[in-house]
């Protein structure tokens, strides 16, 4: 009696292809699988998803920056240079978060490095800012034409973005978007470069970047809201005992960090 060759079922064949694809992705140079903390899973951590996000952010930046450069489009009441700059700076921020992480901190890079999955409060705050700007612009355009306020905001945005990106590049693998409570062997205390003047330059950079966006839009309500929310967020993230980042840093580096903290401030108001 002859024995028939084994033919895998369609389900087995499909499962085999999935396993092969997963193995290929994990070793592919375009894959970003962090070794520290797995992605949240809300956005697929695949090259396709990342390239799509990068394309959309790049397109948004290009449209916003063009609107800013030409001083807005008179054909529509809402397409102002202020809104164009805000949209461009938002898109650049999220793209730069991923780009800097991919370039200088690949072991922690994933699709979450875009920081688009940054919590509901972040998106609510930005949506509120947009709503305030557009409603005020529609009813009282003169409230958005106070001299020099938007220009000061532009400078603050450029300063904040530059400070944050430089800090992430300089810290390299010592930087993490999430607070680390377990010290790795490669984790070093960085006290030179921009860290010589700012104890948490990435936080200070984001703080001033965000406030700058609201000065650009000349949003008094959202400016106050951003100050309160950001100060509260960074205070609890940095200073609160046990759960705060500096509690972990003192545990990691002992007296060296205590002395560093005593000599270098955060440069965020009322967070010593």
Protein backbone atom coordinates (compact mmCIF):
# COMPACT_ATOMS: atom_id res chain seq x y z
CA UNK A 1 0.00 0.00 0.00
CA UNK A 2 1.54 3.32 -1.09
CA UNK A 3 1.80 6.19 1.41
CA UNK A 4 0.38 9.53 0.31
CA UNK A 5 2.64 12.59 0.81
CA UNK A 6 1.61 14.94 3.62
CA UNK A 7 -0.07 18.07 2.34
CA UNK A 8 -0.53 20.79 4.96
CA UNK A 9 -3.98 22.25 5.39
CA UNK A 10 -4.67 25.81 4.29
CA UNK A 11 -4.78 26.90 7.95
CA UNK A 12 -1.37 25.30 8.64
CA UNK A 13 0.11 26.89 5.54
CA UNK A 14 -1.24 30.30 6.51
CA UNK A 15 0.15 29.97 10.04
CA UNK A 16 3.53 28.96 8.62
CA UNK A 17 3.58 32.04 6.37
CA UNK A 18 2.72 34.27 9.35
CA UNK A 19 5.58 32.76 11.36
CA UNK A 20 8.01 33.21 8.47
CA UNK A 21 6.91 36.80 8.01
CA UNK A 22 7.28 37.55 11.73
CA UNK A 23 10.78 36.03 11.78
CA UNK A 24 11.77 38.03 8.70
CA UNK A 25 10.45 41.29 10.16
CA UNK A 26 12.26 40.79 13.47
CA UNK A 27 15.60 40.52 11.67
CA UNK A 28 14.93 43.04 8.89
CA UNK A 29 16.97 46.27 9.02
CA UNK A 30 13.78 48.33 8.68
CA UNK A 31 12.12 46.69 11.69
CA UNK A 32 12.01 48.59 14.98
CA UNK A 33 11.59 46.22 17.88
CA UNK A 34 12.66 47.92 21.14
CA UNK A 35 14.63 45.86 23.64
CA UNK A 36 13.43 47.84 26.66
CA UNK A 37 9.68 48.25 26.49
CA UNK A 38 7.28 46.73 23.94
CA UNK A 39 5.05 49.09 21.93
CA UNK A 40 1.56 49.86 23.23
CA UNK A 41 0.07 47.97 20.31
CA UNK A 42 -2.50 50.61 19.38
CA UNK A 43 -0.58 51.37 16.17
CA UNK A 44 1.01 48.47 14.24
CA UNK A 45 4.78 48.43 14.78
CA UNK A 46 5.62 47.72 11.14
CA UNK A 47 7.68 49.48 8.46
CA UNK A 48 4.46 50.05 6.50
CA UNK A 49 2.77 51.83 9.42
CA UNK A 50 5.88 53.88 10.15
CA UNK A 51 6.36 54.94 6.53
CA UNK A 52 2.68 55.90 6.30
CA UNK A 53 2.91 58.03 9.44
CA UNK A 54 6.11 59.67 8.19
CA UNK A 55 4.46 60.45 4.84
CA UNK A 56 1.39 61.97 6.48
CA UNK A 57 3.48 64.02 8.91
CA UNK A 58 5.73 65.19 6.08
CA UNK A 59 2.75 66.21 3.95
CA UNK A 60 1.19 68.04 6.89
CA UNK A 61 4.46 69.84 7.58
CA UNK A 62 4.86 70.85 3.92
CA UNK A 63 1.33 72.28 3.68
CA UNK A 64 1.62 74.09 7.00
CA UNK A 65 5.08 75.50 6.29
CA UNK A 66 4.02 76.69 2.83
CA UNK A 67 1.05 78.48 4.38
CA UNK A 68 3.40 80.10 6.89
CA UNK A 69 5.95 81.15 4.25
CA UNK A 70 3.39 82.86 2.00
CA UNK A 71 1.74 84.59 4.97
CA UNK A 72 -1.51 82.66 4.68
CA UNK A 73 -4.05 82.41 1.87
CA UNK A 74 -6.56 85.24 1.55
CA UNK A 75 -9.05 82.98 -0.26
CA UNK A 76 -10.00 81.30 3.05
CA UNK A 77 -10.41 83.10 6.37
CA UNK A 78 -8.82 80.32 8.43
CA UNK A 79 -5.62 79.63 6.42
CA UNK A 80 -3.39 82.10 8.28
CA UNK A 81 0.36 82.05 8.70
CA UNK A 82 -0.21 81.42 12.42
CA UNK A 83 -2.23 78.26 11.83
CA UNK A 84 0.24 77.14 9.16
CA UNK A 85 3.16 77.47 11.58
CA UNK A 86 1.28 75.67 14.36
CA UNK A 87 0.42 72.71 12.10
CA UNK A 88 3.96 72.56 10.69
CA UNK A 89 5.58 72.67 14.14
CA UNK A 90 3.24 69.94 15.41
CA UNK A 91 4.07 67.65 12.49
CA UNK A 92 7.81 68.35 12.77
CA UNK A 93 7.80 67.61 16.49
CA UNK A 94 6.29 64.15 16.07
CA UNK A 95 8.47 63.27 13.10
CA UNK A 96 11.61 64.44 14.92
CA UNK A 97 10.79 62.31 17.98
CA UNK A 98 10.91 59.18 15.84
CA UNK A 99 13.82 60.33 13.65
CA UNK A 100 16.09 61.20 16.58
CA UNK A 101 15.22 57.97 18.40
CA UNK A 102 15.88 55.92 15.26
CA UNK A 103 19.18 57.68 14.63
CA UNK A 104 20.67 57.81 18.13
CA UNK A 105 18.66 55.41 20.30
CA UNK A 106 17.60 52.56 18.03
CA UNK A 107 17.30 50.01 20.85
CA UNK A 108 14.28 51.94 22.18
CA UNK A 109 12.76 52.84 18.81
CA UNK A 110 9.31 51.72 17.73
CA UNK A 111 6.24 53.23 16.10
CA UNK A 112 5.38 54.62 19.56
CA UNK A 113 8.44 56.88 19.25
CA UNK A 114 6.34 59.22 17.11
CA UNK A 115 4.48 59.97 20.37
CA UNK A 116 1.16 60.03 18.53
CA UNK A 117 -0.22 57.56 21.07
CA UNK A 118 0.53 60.10 23.79
CA UNK A 119 -2.65 59.92 25.84
CA UNK A 120 -6.07 61.47 25.34
CA UNK A 121 -5.27 64.63 27.31
CA UNK A 122 -2.53 65.62 24.85
CA UNK A 123 -4.89 65.45 21.87
CA UNK A 124 -7.71 67.15 23.79
CA UNK A 125 -5.38 70.03 24.68
CA UNK A 126 -4.30 70.51 21.06
CA UNK A 127 -7.87 70.21 19.84
CA UNK A 128 -8.95 72.84 22.39
CA UNK A 129 -6.19 75.15 21.18
CA UNK A 130 -7.31 74.79 17.57
CA UNK A 131 -10.93 75.40 18.53
CA UNK A 132 -10.06 78.53 20.51
CA UNK A 133 -8.02 79.91 17.64
CA UNK A 134 -10.60 79.28 14.92
CA UNK A 135 -13.59 80.49 16.96
CA UNK A 136 -11.80 83.68 17.99
CA UNK A 137 -10.50 84.25 14.46
CA UNK A 138 -14.00 83.89 13.01
CA UNK A 139 -15.65 86.36 15.38
CA UNK A 140 -12.81 88.70 16.40
CA UNK A 141 -9.91 88.66 13.97
CA UNK A 142 -8.33 91.68 15.64
CA UNK A 143 -7.65 89.56 18.74
CA UNK A 144 -5.15 87.54 16.68
CA UNK A 145 -3.19 90.56 15.42
CA UNK A 146 -1.44 91.79 18.57
CA UNK A 147 2.05 92.94 17.46
CA UNK A 148 5.09 90.72 18.17
CA UNK A 149 3.24 88.05 20.19
CA UNK A 150 3.27 85.47 17.37
CA UNK A 151 6.88 86.31 16.51
CA UNK A 152 7.95 85.69 20.11
CA UNK A 153 6.05 82.40 19.98
CA UNK A 154 7.88 81.35 16.81
CA UNK A 155 11.24 81.95 18.47
CA UNK A 156 10.11 79.97 21.52
CA UNK A 157 8.97 77.05 19.37
CA UNK A 158 12.28 76.95 17.50
CA UNK A 159 14.21 77.15 20.77
CA UNK A 160 12.13 74.44 22.46
CA UNK A 161 12.30 72.04 19.51
CA UNK A 162 16.05 72.54 19.13
CA UNK A 163 16.68 72.07 22.85
CA UNK A 164 14.67 68.86 23.04
CA UNK A 165 16.17 67.29 19.92
CA UNK A 166 19.73 68.23 20.91
CA UNK A 167 19.17 66.78 24.38
CA UNK A 168 17.89 63.49 22.96
CA UNK A 169 20.81 63.26 20.55
CA UNK A 170 23.37 64.06 23.23
CA UNK A 171 21.92 61.61 25.77
CA UNK A 172 21.63 58.92 23.06
CA UNK A 173 20.84 55.52 24.64
CA UNK A 174 20.63 57.12 28.09
CA UNK A 175 17.40 58.83 27.02
CA UNK A 176 14.00 57.17 27.29
CA UNK A 177 10.49 58.38 26.54
CA UNK A 178 9.27 56.33 29.50
CA UNK A 179 10.66 56.69 33.02
CA UNK A 180 13.06 53.82 33.78
CA UNK A 181 12.95 52.32 37.26
CA UNK A 182 15.54 49.62 36.63
CA UNK A 183 19.11 50.64 35.86
CA UNK A 184 20.76 49.01 32.87
CA UNK A 185 24.51 48.41 32.76
CA UNK A 186 24.86 50.88 29.88
CA UNK A 187 22.91 53.66 31.65
CA UNK A 188 25.22 56.58 32.46
CA UNK A 189 24.58 59.91 34.18
CA UNK A 190 24.86 62.65 31.53
CA UNK A 191 25.98 66.02 32.93
CA UNK A 192 27.74 67.66 29.99
CA UNK A 193 26.51 69.38 26.82
CA UNK A 194 23.06 70.92 27.26
CA UNK A 195 22.75 68.93 30.49
CA UNK A 196 25.31 71.33 31.94
CA UNK A 197 22.64 74.07 31.95
CA UNK A 198 19.35 72.12 32.02
CA UNK A 199 18.81 69.17 34.35
CA UNK A 200 16.00 67.86 32.16
CA UNK A 201 16.53 69.63 28.80
CA UNK A 202 14.08 67.45 26.88
CA UNK A 203 11.32 68.37 29.35
CA UNK A 204 12.23 72.05 29.33
CA UNK A 205 12.34 71.97 25.54
CA UNK A 206 8.85 70.51 25.27
CA UNK A 207 7.52 72.92 27.92
CA UNK A 208 8.69 76.00 26.01
CA UNK A 209 7.81 74.50 22.63
CA UNK A 210 4.23 73.96 23.72
CA UNK A 211 3.88 77.44 25.24
CA UNK A 212 5.37 78.90 22.09
CA UNK A 213 2.68 77.29 19.93
CA UNK A 214 0.00 79.06 21.96
CA UNK A 215 1.78 82.40 21.68
CA UNK A 216 1.92 81.89 17.90
CA UNK A 217 -1.86 81.34 17.88
CA UNK A 218 -2.35 84.14 20.42
CA UNK A 219 -4.57 81.86 22.52
CA UNK A 220 -4.78 83.32 26.05
CA UNK A 221 -7.07 80.58 27.41
CA UNK A 222 -5.07 77.70 25.97
CA UNK A 223 -1.81 79.33 27.04
CA UNK A 224 -2.96 79.29 30.67
CA UNK A 225 -4.29 75.76 30.26
CA UNK A 226 -0.99 74.55 28.81
CA UNK A 227 1.04 76.20 31.58
CA UNK A 228 -1.04 74.54 34.29
CA UNK A 229 -1.23 71.10 32.70
CA UNK A 230 2.41 70.94 31.65
CA UNK A 231 3.72 72.23 34.97
CA UNK A 232 1.63 69.67 36.84
CA UNK A 233 2.72 66.86 34.51
CA UNK A 234 6.44 67.62 34.74
CA UNK A 235 6.37 68.31 38.47
CA UNK A 236 4.84 64.90 39.21
CA UNK A 237 7.05 63.17 36.64
CA UNK A 238 10.24 64.70 38.00
CA UNK A 239 9.88 65.43 41.70
CA UNK A 240 7.26 63.20 43.33
CA UNK A 241 8.85 60.68 45.73
CA UNK A 242 8.84 56.97 44.82
CA UNK A 243 7.09 57.38 41.42
CA UNK A 244 9.09 60.39 40.21
CA UNK A 245 12.01 60.13 37.80
CA UNK A 246 14.50 61.77 40.15
CA UNK A 247 13.76 59.22 42.86
CA UNK A 248 14.94 56.56 40.40
CA UNK A 249 17.97 58.62 39.35
CA UNK A 250 19.11 59.04 42.96
CA UNK A 251 18.74 55.28 43.39
CA UNK A 252 20.78 54.68 40.20
CA UNK A 253 23.59 57.20 40.72
CA UNK A 254 23.50 58.06 44.43
CA UNK A 255 25.43 61.11 45.65
CA UNK A 256 26.60 61.97 42.12
CA UNK A 257 23.04 62.77 41.09
CA UNK A 258 22.26 64.57 44.37
CA UNK A 259 25.22 66.91 43.76
CA UNK A 260 24.27 67.40 40.10
CA UNK A 261 20.68 68.24 41.08
CA UNK A 262 21.92 70.78 43.63
CA UNK A 263 23.92 72.69 41.01
CA UNK A 264 21.77 72.44 37.85
CA UNK A 265 18.13 73.51 37.68
CA UNK A 266 15.35 72.30 35.41
CA UNK A 267 14.74 75.83 34.06
CA UNK A 268 11.01 75.08 34.27
CA UNK A 269 9.36 77.68 36.54
CA UNK A 270 8.72 76.48 40.12
CA UNK A 271 10.28 73.05 39.56
CA UNK A 272 13.61 73.34 41.39
